[in-house]
């Protein structure tokens, strides 16, 4: 098209050069002077156009990174491979035109041929091909940083946290006064997202004292998008945990934890300061910035056996380390990136230095698994929202009347135990990922993958009931009695789904990570 435009321009110029004629204009051939000149300027025009467009895009990207507009930056990064393909295509067209011009007789264009060939090769080899290879990571990064988030809210706001329709109504009633950070900015868009732009806590803080029945015509004790983790005064928390995101009508935005991230890990091809692959760290930190919940220092992940040793519990098969067993029985065995464990552990301890070793151990394991598992599995795992504690299980335990006429709810201690076991459940769900991301409860029944939240709850509840602390020392406890709700139909159905969602021998690792010496027999019916 550029060639036709140039030829058309030269034809018009010759036809209007001070003389009027009715004779037809001769067709320009690429071998004559006009044709060679048209080819040359077409090539130059394409190269200049590509340079201008690339300059604009590079400036936009630079501004987004320097201004911490990470939602915008991560969003446009999903299309980088298409952009570099377009740039490479334009340069190849420009190179093709200048080669034809050179072959047609423009022998003075040898320098231009060399420059364009070099630029085209650099764009294709250095940018276009790598961007296509990394497009899966870029997509996974978007999901890891913009998925549903947990946010602490006051108990008085529990009843007004409803569905997406309710949040839309609330957002129209309230105009938040607090300014959003730059990382929330959606940025330029041809088709802007229609979700709620405001932060949910800003909306709730603008409500004041209000009853849910006044807004929705319903009188919830706690809304359907809220975790009740049993912290009604314990640990001086007295809060609920709101789960919000696209499912509740909000516009996707990166977690604000990104403001504490080193810039080198936020690049499209991340590396640490020492040159190590930083993809696992970036994905793990994005998830951990969204799912910590109310008491991250209480999370249990006993990979170094320190909790068991402090309680005098000696696990069976003690010659096999917990981490070694976790690696060897993994779906992704032999886990080749396990050699980076010490470096990743040190980096995450620096990032989460105020949190205990259980948290950083779980973070390290998650980051290393992401280096070993396939990009398709990561995306499917994130699309199932398996990085978050199961809200369905929490609601079934904390407020069963929302699901059935039964009203046998879990105790506050049991809800706390469910929350504190959530990171073991998260690690197991990705480390023992089933083939193709689909599990089978029976030979004919297929279903999505479920986290083993109920199994992990039971293991931790049994582990902490087996011992008790007296005067700073651990001694044998009375045992954990069977919860009153454990024999319900929903529990049996959930346990079946959880057991069929994991592939491999995950049972021993689950028991060790949660403080038991081995997997208890008869767990589904509750051990005596």
Protein backbone atom coordinates (compact mmCIF):
# COMPACT_ATOMS: atom_id res chain seq x y z
CA UNK A 1 0.00 0.00 0.00
CA UNK A 2 2.86 2.36 0.76
CA UNK A 3 4.34 1.62 -2.67
CA UNK A 4 1.06 2.38 -4.37
CA UNK A 5 0.78 5.61 -2.38
CA UNK A 6 4.29 6.69 -3.44
CA UNK A 7 3.67 5.82 -7.08
CA UNK A 8 0.38 7.68 -6.94
CA UNK A 9 2.10 10.74 -5.45
CA UNK A 10 4.78 10.80 -8.11
CA UNK A 11 2.16 10.45 -10.83
CA UNK A 12 0.19 13.40 -9.47
CA UNK A 13 3.36 15.46 -9.21
CA UNK A 14 4.31 14.86 -12.81
CA UNK A 15 0.78 15.52 -14.03
CA UNK A 16 0.51 18.88 -12.27
CA UNK A 17 3.96 20.26 -13.05
CA UNK A 18 2.74 23.45 -14.72
CA UNK A 19 1.47 21.76 -17.91
CA UNK A 20 -2.00 20.62 -18.82
CA UNK A 21 -2.28 17.54 -20.98
CA UNK A 22 -4.94 15.14 -21.92
CA UNK A 23 -2.53 12.37 -22.75
CA UNK A 24 -2.56 9.37 -20.38
CA UNK A 25 0.18 9.29 -17.75
CA UNK A 26 2.66 6.49 -18.41
CA UNK A 27 2.86 3.71 -15.83
CA UNK A 28 5.92 3.96 -13.62
CA UNK A 29 8.16 0.87 -13.64
CA UNK A 30 10.37 -0.09 -10.69
CA UNK A 31 13.46 -0.16 -12.94
CA UNK A 32 13.27 3.47 -14.01
CA UNK A 33 14.29 6.44 -11.85
CA UNK A 34 10.80 7.19 -10.60
CA UNK A 35 10.12 3.59 -9.62
CA UNK A 36 13.41 3.25 -7.76
CA UNK A 37 12.75 6.51 -5.94
CA UNK A 38 9.22 5.38 -5.00
CA UNK A 39 10.57 2.13 -3.61
CA UNK A 40 13.23 3.95 -1.60
CA UNK A 41 10.82 6.45 -0.07
CA UNK A 42 8.26 3.74 0.62
CA UNK A 43 10.92 1.86 2.58
CA UNK A 44 11.99 5.01 4.40
CA UNK A 45 8.35 5.90 5.17
CA UNK A 46 7.65 2.49 6.69
CA UNK A 47 10.84 2.62 8.77
CA UNK A 48 10.04 6.12 10.05
CA UNK A 49 6.44 5.17 10.85
CA UNK A 50 7.63 2.10 12.76
CA UNK A 51 10.20 4.18 14.65
CA UNK A 52 7.60 6.78 15.66
CA UNK A 53 5.09 4.19 16.84
CA UNK A 54 7.74 2.27 18.76
CA UNK A 55 8.91 5.51 20.36
CA UNK A 56 5.38 6.32 21.51
CA UNK A 57 4.83 2.85 22.97
CA UNK A 58 8.23 2.83 24.69
CA UNK A 59 7.48 6.22 26.24
CA UNK A 60 4.09 5.04 27.51
CA UNK A 61 5.68 1.93 29.04
CA UNK A 62 8.45 3.96 30.66
CA UNK A 63 5.97 6.43 32.14
CA UNK A 64 3.78 3.60 33.46
CA UNK A 65 6.73 1.98 35.23
CA UNK A 66 8.16 5.21 36.63
CA UNK A 67 4.73 6.37 37.86
CA UNK A 68 3.99 2.94 39.44
CA UNK A 69 0.94 2.40 37.20
CA UNK A 70 1.33 -1.36 37.45
CA UNK A 71 -2.22 -2.37 36.61
CA UNK A 72 -1.88 -0.51 33.33
CA UNK A 73 1.64 -1.83 32.74
CA UNK A 74 0.74 -5.48 33.39
CA UNK A 75 -2.41 -5.14 31.28
CA UNK A 76 -0.68 -3.86 28.15
CA UNK A 77 2.14 -6.38 28.64
CA UNK A 78 -0.33 -9.13 27.72
CA UNK A 79 -0.21 -7.81 24.14
CA UNK A 80 3.56 -7.30 23.87
CA UNK A 81 4.08 -10.34 21.65
CA UNK A 82 1.54 -9.03 19.15
CA UNK A 83 3.12 -5.58 19.21
CA UNK A 84 6.61 -6.88 18.52
CA UNK A 85 5.20 -9.06 15.75
CA UNK A 86 3.69 -5.96 14.14
CA UNK A 87 6.97 -4.03 14.48
CA UNK A 88 8.92 -6.92 12.98
CA UNK A 89 6.45 -7.22 10.10
CA UNK A 90 6.68 -3.51 9.26
CA UNK A 91 10.47 -3.61 9.33
CA UNK A 92 10.50 -6.71 7.11
CA UNK A 93 8.27 -4.89 4.62
CA UNK A 94 10.57 -1.89 4.73
CA UNK A 95 13.60 -4.14 4.28
CA UNK A 96 11.94 -5.91 1.36
CA UNK A 97 11.21 -2.62 -0.40
CA UNK A 98 14.75 -1.31 0.00
CA UNK A 99 16.20 -4.61 -1.27
CA UNK A 100 14.00 -4.40 -4.37
CA UNK A 101 15.10 -0.79 -4.81
CA UNK A 102 18.73 -1.87 -4.51
CA UNK A 103 18.30 -4.66 -7.04
CA UNK A 104 16.52 -2.27 -9.40
CA UNK A 105 19.58 -0.05 -9.60
CA UNK A 106 19.75 2.10 -6.47
CA UNK A 107 23.32 0.97 -5.79
CA UNK A 108 23.89 3.86 -3.36
CA UNK A 109 21.46 2.27 -0.87
CA UNK A 110 23.84 -0.39 0.38
CA UNK A 111 24.18 1.28 3.78
CA UNK A 112 20.40 1.46 4.10
CA UNK A 113 20.11 -2.23 3.26
CA UNK A 114 22.65 -3.09 5.94
CA UNK A 115 21.00 -0.86 8.57
CA UNK A 116 17.50 -2.18 7.93
CA UNK A 117 18.63 -5.80 7.86
CA UNK A 118 20.36 -5.33 11.21
CA UNK A 119 17.36 -3.57 12.79
CA UNK A 120 14.95 -6.21 11.48
CA UNK A 121 17.09 -9.06 12.77
CA UNK A 122 17.45 -7.44 16.20
CA UNK A 123 13.71 -6.84 16.55
CA UNK A 124 12.82 -10.40 15.56
CA UNK A 125 15.54 -12.25 17.47
CA UNK A 126 15.86 -9.98 20.51
CA UNK A 127 12.23 -8.96 21.06
CA UNK A 128 9.58 -10.70 18.93
CA UNK A 129 10.62 -14.33 19.50
CA UNK A 130 11.30 -13.94 23.26
CA UNK A 131 7.98 -12.12 23.74
CA UNK A 132 6.14 -15.07 22.21
CA UNK A 133 8.06 -17.48 24.42
CA UNK A 134 7.26 -15.48 27.57
CA UNK A 135 3.61 -14.75 26.81
CA UNK A 136 2.45 -17.56 29.13
CA UNK A 137 4.40 -16.08 32.03
CA UNK A 138 2.98 -12.62 31.28
CA UNK A 139 -0.54 -14.04 31.43
CA UNK A 140 0.23 -15.93 34.64
CA UNK A 141 1.66 -12.75 36.17
CA UNK A 142 -1.57 -10.88 35.41
CA UNK A 143 -3.63 -13.59 37.09
CA UNK A 144 -1.27 -13.84 40.06
CA UNK A 145 -1.35 -10.12 40.81
CA UNK A 146 -4.95 -9.21 39.89
CA UNK A 147 -6.91 -12.17 41.26
CA UNK A 148 -9.34 -11.96 44.20
CA UNK A 149 -7.94 -10.36 47.35
CA UNK A 150 -8.61 -10.71 51.06
CA UNK A 151 -9.04 -7.50 53.06
CA UNK A 152 -9.73 -7.06 56.77
CA UNK A 153 -13.02 -5.32 57.56
CA UNK A 154 -14.89 -4.51 60.76
CA UNK A 155 -17.61 -6.89 61.93
CA UNK A 156 -20.19 -4.13 61.51
CA UNK A 157 -19.66 -4.19 57.74
CA UNK A 158 -20.16 -7.95 57.43
CA UNK A 159 -23.91 -7.77 56.65
CA UNK A 160 -23.54 -5.29 53.76
CA UNK A 161 -20.94 -7.25 51.78
CA UNK A 162 -23.12 -8.94 49.19
CA UNK A 163 -22.99 -9.97 45.55
CA UNK A 164 -21.77 -7.98 42.55
CA UNK A 165 -25.19 -6.30 42.21
CA UNK A 166 -25.08 -5.18 45.83
CA UNK A 167 -21.57 -3.77 45.51
CA UNK A 168 -22.59 -1.88 42.37
CA UNK A 169 -25.47 -0.32 44.28
CA UNK A 170 -23.18 0.60 47.17
CA UNK A 171 -20.62 2.18 44.84
CA UNK A 172 -23.31 4.43 43.41
CA UNK A 173 -24.50 5.44 46.88
CA UNK A 174 -21.06 6.29 48.24
CA UNK A 175 -18.40 8.56 46.83
CA UNK A 176 -15.07 7.57 48.48
CA UNK A 177 -12.90 10.50 49.48
CA UNK A 178 -9.58 8.64 49.80
CA UNK A 179 -7.31 8.79 46.76
CA UNK A 180 -6.40 5.54 45.04
CA UNK A 181 -2.68 4.77 44.57
CA UNK A 182 -1.23 4.89 41.03
CA UNK A 183 -0.99 1.09 40.95
CA UNK A 184 -4.81 0.92 40.74
CA UNK A 185 -4.98 3.04 37.59
CA UNK A 186 -6.50 1.13 34.65
CA UNK A 187 -4.86 3.50 32.15
CA UNK A 188 -5.67 4.05 28.49
CA UNK A 189 -8.12 1.61 26.95
CA UNK A 190 -10.17 1.39 23.76
CA UNK A 191 -12.84 -0.55 25.64
CA UNK A 192 -12.61 0.41 29.35
CA UNK A 193 -13.55 -2.22 31.92
CA UNK A 194 -16.99 -1.60 33.45
CA UNK A 195 -16.18 -2.93 36.93
CA UNK A 196 -16.17 -0.86 40.12
CA UNK A 197 -13.01 1.25 40.23
CA UNK A 198 -13.15 2.17 43.92
CA UNK A 199 -11.56 0.10 46.68
CA UNK A 200 -14.14 -1.85 48.76
CA UNK A 201 -12.78 -0.55 52.06
CA UNK A 202 -13.20 3.03 50.83
CA UNK A 203 -16.83 2.25 49.97
CA UNK A 204 -17.48 0.62 53.34
CA UNK A 205 -15.86 3.44 55.29
CA UNK A 206 -18.26 5.85 53.59
CA UNK A 207 -21.31 3.93 54.77
CA UNK A 208 -21.18 4.65 58.47
CA UNK A 209 -23.70 2.80 60.60
CA UNK A 210 -26.19 1.13 58.28
CA UNK A 211 -28.24 -2.06 58.20
CA UNK A 212 -28.08 -4.45 55.26
CA UNK A 213 -31.87 -4.74 55.12
CA UNK A 214 -32.04 -0.99 54.48
CA UNK A 215 -30.01 -1.47 51.29
CA UNK A 216 -30.74 -4.94 50.00
CA UNK A 217 -33.97 -5.94 51.69
CA UNK A 218 -32.01 -8.80 53.27
CA UNK A 219 -30.71 -9.21 56.78
CA UNK A 220 -27.50 -11.21 56.58
CA UNK A 221 -25.44 -11.82 59.66
CA UNK A 222 -22.41 -11.95 57.38
CA UNK A 223 -22.49 -11.48 53.61
CA UNK A 224 -21.69 -14.25 51.09
CA UNK A 225 -18.26 -12.84 50.12
CA UNK A 226 -16.84 -12.71 53.65
CA UNK A 227 -14.72 -15.21 55.59
CA UNK A 228 -15.44 -15.70 59.27
CA UNK A 229 -12.12 -16.99 60.59
CA UNK A 230 -13.26 -17.06 64.20
CA UNK A 231 -11.28 -14.04 65.36
CA UNK A 232 -13.99 -12.46 67.49
CA UNK A 233 -11.63 -10.88 69.96
CA UNK A 234 -8.81 -13.43 69.90
CA UNK A 235 -5.36 -12.06 69.05
CA UNK A 236 -6.87 -8.54 69.38
CA UNK A 237 -8.16 -8.81 65.81
CA UNK A 238 -11.99 -8.79 66.02
CA UNK A 239 -12.31 -8.57 62.24
CA UNK A 240 -13.73 -10.37 59.25
CA UNK A 241 -11.94 -11.05 55.97
CA UNK A 242 -13.58 -9.75 52.78
CA UNK A 243 -12.90 -11.61 49.52
CA UNK A 244 -13.35 -9.20 46.63
CA UNK A 245 -12.45 -9.06 42.97
CA UNK A 246 -14.01 -9.54 39.54
CA UNK A 247 -16.58 -12.00 40.90
CA UNK A 248 -17.98 -9.28 43.17
CA UNK A 249 -18.08 -6.65 40.41
CA UNK A 250 -14.75 -4.90 40.95
CA UNK A 251 -12.36 -3.94 38.20
CA UNK A 252 -9.16 -6.01 38.20
CA UNK A 253 -6.18 -4.23 39.69
CA UNK A 254 -2.81 -5.40 40.96
CA UNK A 255 -2.35 -5.97 44.66
CA UNK A 256 -1.00 -2.93 46.48
CA UNK A 257 1.73 -5.19 47.82
CA UNK A 258 3.46 -4.45 44.51
CA UNK A 259 4.70 -1.18 45.97
CA UNK A 260 7.18 -3.16 48.09
CA UNK A 261 8.53 -5.17 45.14
CA UNK A 262 11.99 -4.58 43.64
CA UNK A 263 11.77 -3.19 40.12
CA UNK A 264 13.90 -5.96 38.63
CA UNK A 265 11.21 -8.54 39.47
CA UNK A 266 8.49 -6.55 37.71
CA UNK A 267 10.05 -6.70 34.25
CA UNK A 268 8.50 -8.85 31.53
CA UNK A 269 11.56 -11.08 31.90
CA UNK A 270 12.36 -10.81 35.63
CA UNK A 271 15.76 -11.48 37.14
CA UNK A 272 17.06 -11.04 40.66
CA UNK A 273 19.94 -8.69 41.40
CA UNK A 274 22.26 -11.69 41.22
CA UNK A 275 20.98 -12.79 37.83
CA UNK A 276 18.71 -15.65 38.93
CA UNK A 277 15.39 -16.36 37.26
CA UNK A 278 12.84 -14.26 39.14
CA UNK A 279 9.59 -15.58 37.63
CA UNK A 280 8.75 -17.81 40.59
CA UNK A 281 9.39 -15.02 43.06
CA UNK A 282 7.21 -12.54 41.18
CA UNK A 283 4.26 -14.95 40.88
CA UNK A 284 4.51 -16.08 44.50
CA UNK A 285 4.73 -12.54 45.87
CA UNK A 286 1.69 -11.52 43.85
CA UNK A 287 -0.34 -14.34 45.39
CA UNK A 288 0.98 -13.82 48.92
CA UNK A 289 0.09 -10.14 48.68
CA UNK A 290 -3.56 -11.13 48.21
CA UNK A 291 -4.23 -14.19 50.36
CA UNK A 292 -2.49 -13.68 53.72
CA UNK A 293 -5.69 -13.00 55.62
CA UNK A 294 -6.00 -11.72 59.16
CA UNK A 295 -3.20 -13.55 61.00
CA UNK A 296 -0.33 -14.57 58.69
CA UNK A 297 1.97 -15.16 61.65
CA UNK A 298 -0.36 -17.96 62.78
CA UNK A 299 -0.12 -19.93 59.52
CA UNK A 300 1.30 -23.44 59.92
CA UNK A 301 3.80 -24.97 57.48
CA UNK A 302 6.15 -27.21 59.44
CA UNK A 303 8.59 -28.11 56.67
CA UNK A 304 11.63 -28.04 59.00
CA UNK A 305 9.93 -30.10 61.78
CA UNK A 306 10.53 -27.31 64.30
CA UNK A 307 6.93 -27.36 65.55
CA UNK A 308 6.94 -31.15 65.99
CA UNK A 309 10.31 -31.10 67.74
CA UNK A 310 9.16 -28.39 70.15
CA UNK A 311 6.15 -30.54 71.05
CA UNK A 312 8.14 -33.74 71.35
CA UNK A 313 6.53 -35.32 68.29
CA UNK A 314 8.83 -37.64 66.34
CA UNK A 315 7.47 -38.35 62.90
CA UNK A 316 7.62 -41.74 61.29
CA UNK A 317 10.16 -42.29 58.52
CA UNK A 318 12.33 -39.64 60.13
CA UNK A 319 15.22 -40.42 57.79
CA UNK A 320 13.24 -38.86 54.93
CA UNK A 321 13.09 -35.08 55.16
CA UNK A 322 9.73 -33.38 54.75
CA UNK A 323 10.98 -31.14 51.94
CA UNK A 324 12.69 -34.07 50.22
CA UNK A 325 9.47 -36.07 50.35
CA UNK A 326 7.52 -33.08 49.06
CA UNK A 327 9.88 -32.83 46.09
CA UNK A 328 10.13 -36.55 45.32
CA UNK A 329 6.39 -37.24 45.43
CA UNK A 330 5.45 -34.11 43.48
CA UNK A 331 3.62 -34.18 40.17
CA UNK A 332 6.54 -32.07 38.91
CA UNK A 333 9.29 -34.40 40.21
CA UNK A 334 12.26 -34.35 40.11
CA UNK A 335 11.71 -30.58 40.64
CA UNK A 336 14.96 -29.44 38.92
CA UNK A 337 14.79 -25.90 40.31
CA UNK A 338 15.02 -27.15 43.91
CA UNK A 339 18.71 -26.20 43.71
CA UNK A 340 17.61 -22.56 44.02
CA UNK A 341 15.94 -23.18 47.40
CA UNK A 342 18.59 -21.51 49.54
CA UNK A 343 18.66 -18.39 47.37
CA UNK A 344 14.87 -18.08 47.13
CA UNK A 345 14.55 -18.66 50.86
CA UNK A 346 17.01 -15.88 51.61
CA UNK A 347 15.26 -13.48 49.23
CA UNK A 348 11.83 -14.19 50.74
CA UNK A 349 13.12 -13.91 54.31
CA UNK A 350 14.31 -10.42 53.43
CA UNK A 351 10.92 -9.61 51.91
CA UNK A 352 8.84 -11.05 54.78
CA UNK A 353 11.30 -10.63 57.63
CA UNK A 354 8.62 -9.70 60.18
CA UNK A 355 6.73 -12.97 59.68
CA UNK A 356 7.70 -16.36 61.17
CA UNK A 357 9.61 -19.11 59.41
CA UNK A 358 6.45 -21.09 58.57
CA UNK A 359 5.25 -18.29 56.32
CA UNK A 360 8.55 -17.84 54.48
CA UNK A 361 8.91 -21.62 54.10
CA UNK A 362 5.51 -21.83 52.41
CA UNK A 363 6.39 -18.81 50.23
CA UNK A 364 9.67 -20.45 49.19
CA UNK A 365 7.95 -23.71 48.28
CA UNK A 366 5.30 -21.92 46.23
CA UNK A 367 7.90 -19.89 44.29
CA UNK A 368 9.99 -22.99 43.52
CA UNK A 369 6.97 -24.99 42.37
CA UNK A 370 6.10 -22.21 39.94
CA UNK A 371 9.55 -22.59 38.35
CA UNK A 372 9.01 -26.31 37.82
CA UNK A 373 5.38 -26.69 36.77
CA UNK A 374 3.99 -25.97 33.34
CA UNK A 375 2.62 -22.51 32.44
CA UNK A 376 -0.73 -24.07 31.49
CA UNK A 377 -1.04 -25.63 34.96
CA UNK A 378 -0.26 -22.31 36.66
CA UNK A 379 -2.92 -20.49 34.65
CA UNK A 380 -5.51 -23.20 35.24
CA UNK A 381 -4.68 -23.31 38.95
CA UNK A 382 -5.12 -19.55 39.20
CA UNK A 383 -8.31 -19.60 37.13
CA UNK A 384 -9.78 -22.07 39.66
CA UNK A 385 -8.89 -19.53 42.42
CA UNK A 386 -7.01 -22.24 44.30
CA UNK A 387 -4.59 -19.72 45.76
CA UNK A 388 -7.40 -18.61 48.06
CA UNK A 389 -8.86 -20.51 51.00
CA UNK A 390 -12.18 -22.10 50.01
CA UNK A 391 -14.91 -19.59 50.81
CA UNK A 392 -17.54 -22.29 50.36
CA UNK A 393 -16.03 -24.46 53.11
CA UNK A 394 -15.70 -21.47 55.42
CA UNK A 395 -19.36 -20.56 54.95
CA UNK A 396 -20.46 -24.17 55.46
CA UNK A 397 -18.57 -24.28 58.74
CA UNK A 398 -19.31 -20.80 60.08
CA UNK A 399 -22.91 -20.28 58.99
CA UNK A 400 -24.41 -23.56 57.73
CA UNK A 401 -27.94 -22.16 57.84
CA UNK A 402 -27.07 -20.29 54.63
CA UNK A 403 -26.94 -23.66 52.84
CA UNK A 404 -29.45 -25.85 54.67
CA UNK A 405 -31.83 -26.07 57.59
CA UNK A 406 -29.04 -27.51 59.74
CA UNK A 407 -27.56 -25.08 62.20
CA UNK A 408 -24.53 -26.91 63.63
CA UNK A 409 -21.73 -24.42 63.13
CA UNK A 410 -18.03 -24.78 63.82
CA UNK A 411 -16.51 -23.26 66.92
CA UNK A 412 -14.24 -20.22 66.73
CA UNK A 413 -11.20 -22.41 67.38
CA UNK A 414 -12.17 -24.69 64.51
CA UNK A 415 -12.56 -21.72 62.15
CA UNK A 416 -9.16 -20.45 63.21
CA UNK A 417 -7.68 -23.89 62.55
CA UNK A 418 -9.20 -23.94 59.07
CA UNK A 419 -7.58 -20.57 58.32
CA UNK A 420 -4.17 -21.49 59.77
CA UNK A 421 -3.96 -24.67 57.66
CA UNK A 422 -4.70 -22.87 54.41
CA UNK A 423 -1.13 -22.56 53.09
CA UNK A 424 -0.49 -26.30 53.36
CA UNK A 425 -3.70 -26.83 51.41
CA UNK A 426 -2.55 -24.33 48.78
CA UNK A 427 0.86 -25.98 48.34
CA UNK A 428 -0.64 -29.48 48.11
CA UNK A 429 -3.14 -28.38 45.44
CA UNK A 430 -0.39 -27.26 43.02
CA UNK A 431 2.34 -29.75 44.01
CA UNK A 432 0.06 -32.74 43.38
CA UNK A 433 -1.79 -31.29 40.40
CA UNK A 434 -3.90 -33.88 38.51
CA UNK A 435 -3.40 -34.60 34.78
CA UNK A 436 -4.90 -31.90 32.53
CA UNK A 437 -6.19 -30.04 35.58
CA UNK A 438 -9.29 -32.23 35.79
CA UNK A 439 -9.95 -34.69 38.61
CA UNK A 440 -12.22 -37.72 38.77
CA UNK A 441 -14.43 -38.59 41.72
CA UNK A 442 -15.38 -41.77 39.81
CA UNK A 443 -14.53 -43.30 36.41
CA UNK A 444 -17.45 -41.41 34.83
CA UNK A 445 -17.51 -38.20 36.88
CA UNK A 446 -15.14 -35.32 36.12
CA UNK A 447 -14.92 -32.10 38.10
CA UNK A 448 -12.56 -29.13 38.62
CA UNK A 449 -9.74 -29.38 41.12
CA UNK A 450 -10.56 -28.65 44.78
CA UNK A 451 -8.17 -27.64 47.54
CA UNK A 452 -7.87 -30.15 50.42
CA UNK A 453 -9.04 -27.58 52.98
CA UNK A 454 -11.14 -29.98 55.05
CA UNK A 455 -8.41 -32.60 55.18
CA UNK A 456 -5.85 -30.01 56.27
CA UNK A 457 -8.23 -28.66 58.90
CA UNK A 458 -8.67 -32.14 60.36
CA UNK A 459 -4.91 -32.84 60.41
CA UNK A 460 -4.05 -29.58 62.17
CA UNK A 461 -6.96 -29.93 64.59
CA UNK A 462 -5.78 -33.41 65.54
CA UNK A 463 -2.15 -32.27 65.85
CA UNK A 464 -2.99 -29.42 68.20
CA UNK A 465 -5.41 -31.53 70.23
CA UNK A 466 -2.76 -34.19 70.82
CA UNK A 467 -0.61 -31.84 72.91
CA UNK A 468 -1.16 -29.04 75.37
CA UNK A 469 1.11 -26.40 76.80
CA UNK A 470 1.50 -26.06 80.57
CA UNK A 471 3.96 -23.66 82.20
CA UNK A 472 5.91 -23.25 78.98
CA UNK A 473 6.24 -26.99 78.36
CA UNK A 474 4.39 -29.26 75.99
CA UNK A 475 2.75 -32.40 77.29
CA UNK A 476 0.28 -34.97 76.05
CA UNK A 477 -3.18 -33.52 75.49
CA UNK A 478 -6.64 -34.98 75.75
CA UNK A 479 -7.01 -35.30 72.00
CA UNK A 480 -9.26 -33.48 69.58
CA UNK A 481 -12.86 -34.62 69.83
CA UNK A 482 -14.84 -35.11 66.66
CA UNK A 483 -16.58 -31.87 65.59
CA UNK A 484 -20.37 -32.04 65.84
CA UNK A 485 -20.73 -31.21 62.14
CA UNK A 486 -18.08 -33.62 60.79
CA UNK A 487 -20.52 -36.41 59.91
CA UNK A 488 -22.78 -34.22 57.76
CA UNK A 489 -23.43 -35.09 54.13
CA UNK A 490 -21.67 -32.00 52.82
CA UNK A 491 -18.48 -33.01 54.67
CA UNK A 492 -18.46 -36.47 53.09
CA UNK A 493 -19.10 -35.03 49.63
CA UNK A 494 -16.37 -32.43 50.04
CA UNK A 495 -13.82 -34.97 51.28
CA UNK A 496 -14.51 -37.14 48.22
CA UNK A 497 -13.89 -34.19 45.90
CA UNK A 498 -10.71 -33.19 47.72
CA UNK A 499 -9.26 -36.71 47.72
CA UNK A 500 -9.86 -37.13 43.99
CA UNK A 501 -8.34 -33.72 43.18
CA UNK A 502 -4.75 -34.61 44.10
CA UNK A 503 -2.43 -36.96 42.26
CA UNK A 504 0.25 -38.98 44.01
CA UNK A 505 1.18 -39.81 47.58
CA UNK A 506 0.37 -36.53 49.30
CA UNK A 507 -0.95 -37.90 52.58
CA UNK A 508 2.31 -38.22 54.55
CA UNK A 509 3.54 -34.76 53.51
CA UNK A 510 0.23 -33.21 54.51
CA UNK A 511 0.40 -34.81 57.97
CA UNK A 512 4.04 -33.82 58.54
CA UNK A 513 3.56 -30.22 57.40
CA UNK A 514 0.69 -29.80 59.89
CA UNK A 515 2.45 -31.26 62.93
CA UNK A 516 1.51 -34.96 62.98
CA UNK A 517 3.95 -37.87 63.03
CA UNK A 518 2.02 -39.71 60.28
CA UNK A 519 -1.27 -39.86 58.44
CA UNK A 520 -4.02 -40.97 60.86
CA UNK A 521 -6.11 -43.96 59.84
CA UNK A 522 -9.85 -43.48 59.45
CA UNK A 523 -9.59 -39.72 59.06
CA UNK A 524 -12.83 -39.49 57.10
CA UNK A 525 -14.77 -40.89 60.08
CA UNK A 526 -12.51 -39.12 62.60
CA UNK A 527 -9.83 -41.13 64.42
CA UNK A 528 -10.31 -42.17 68.05
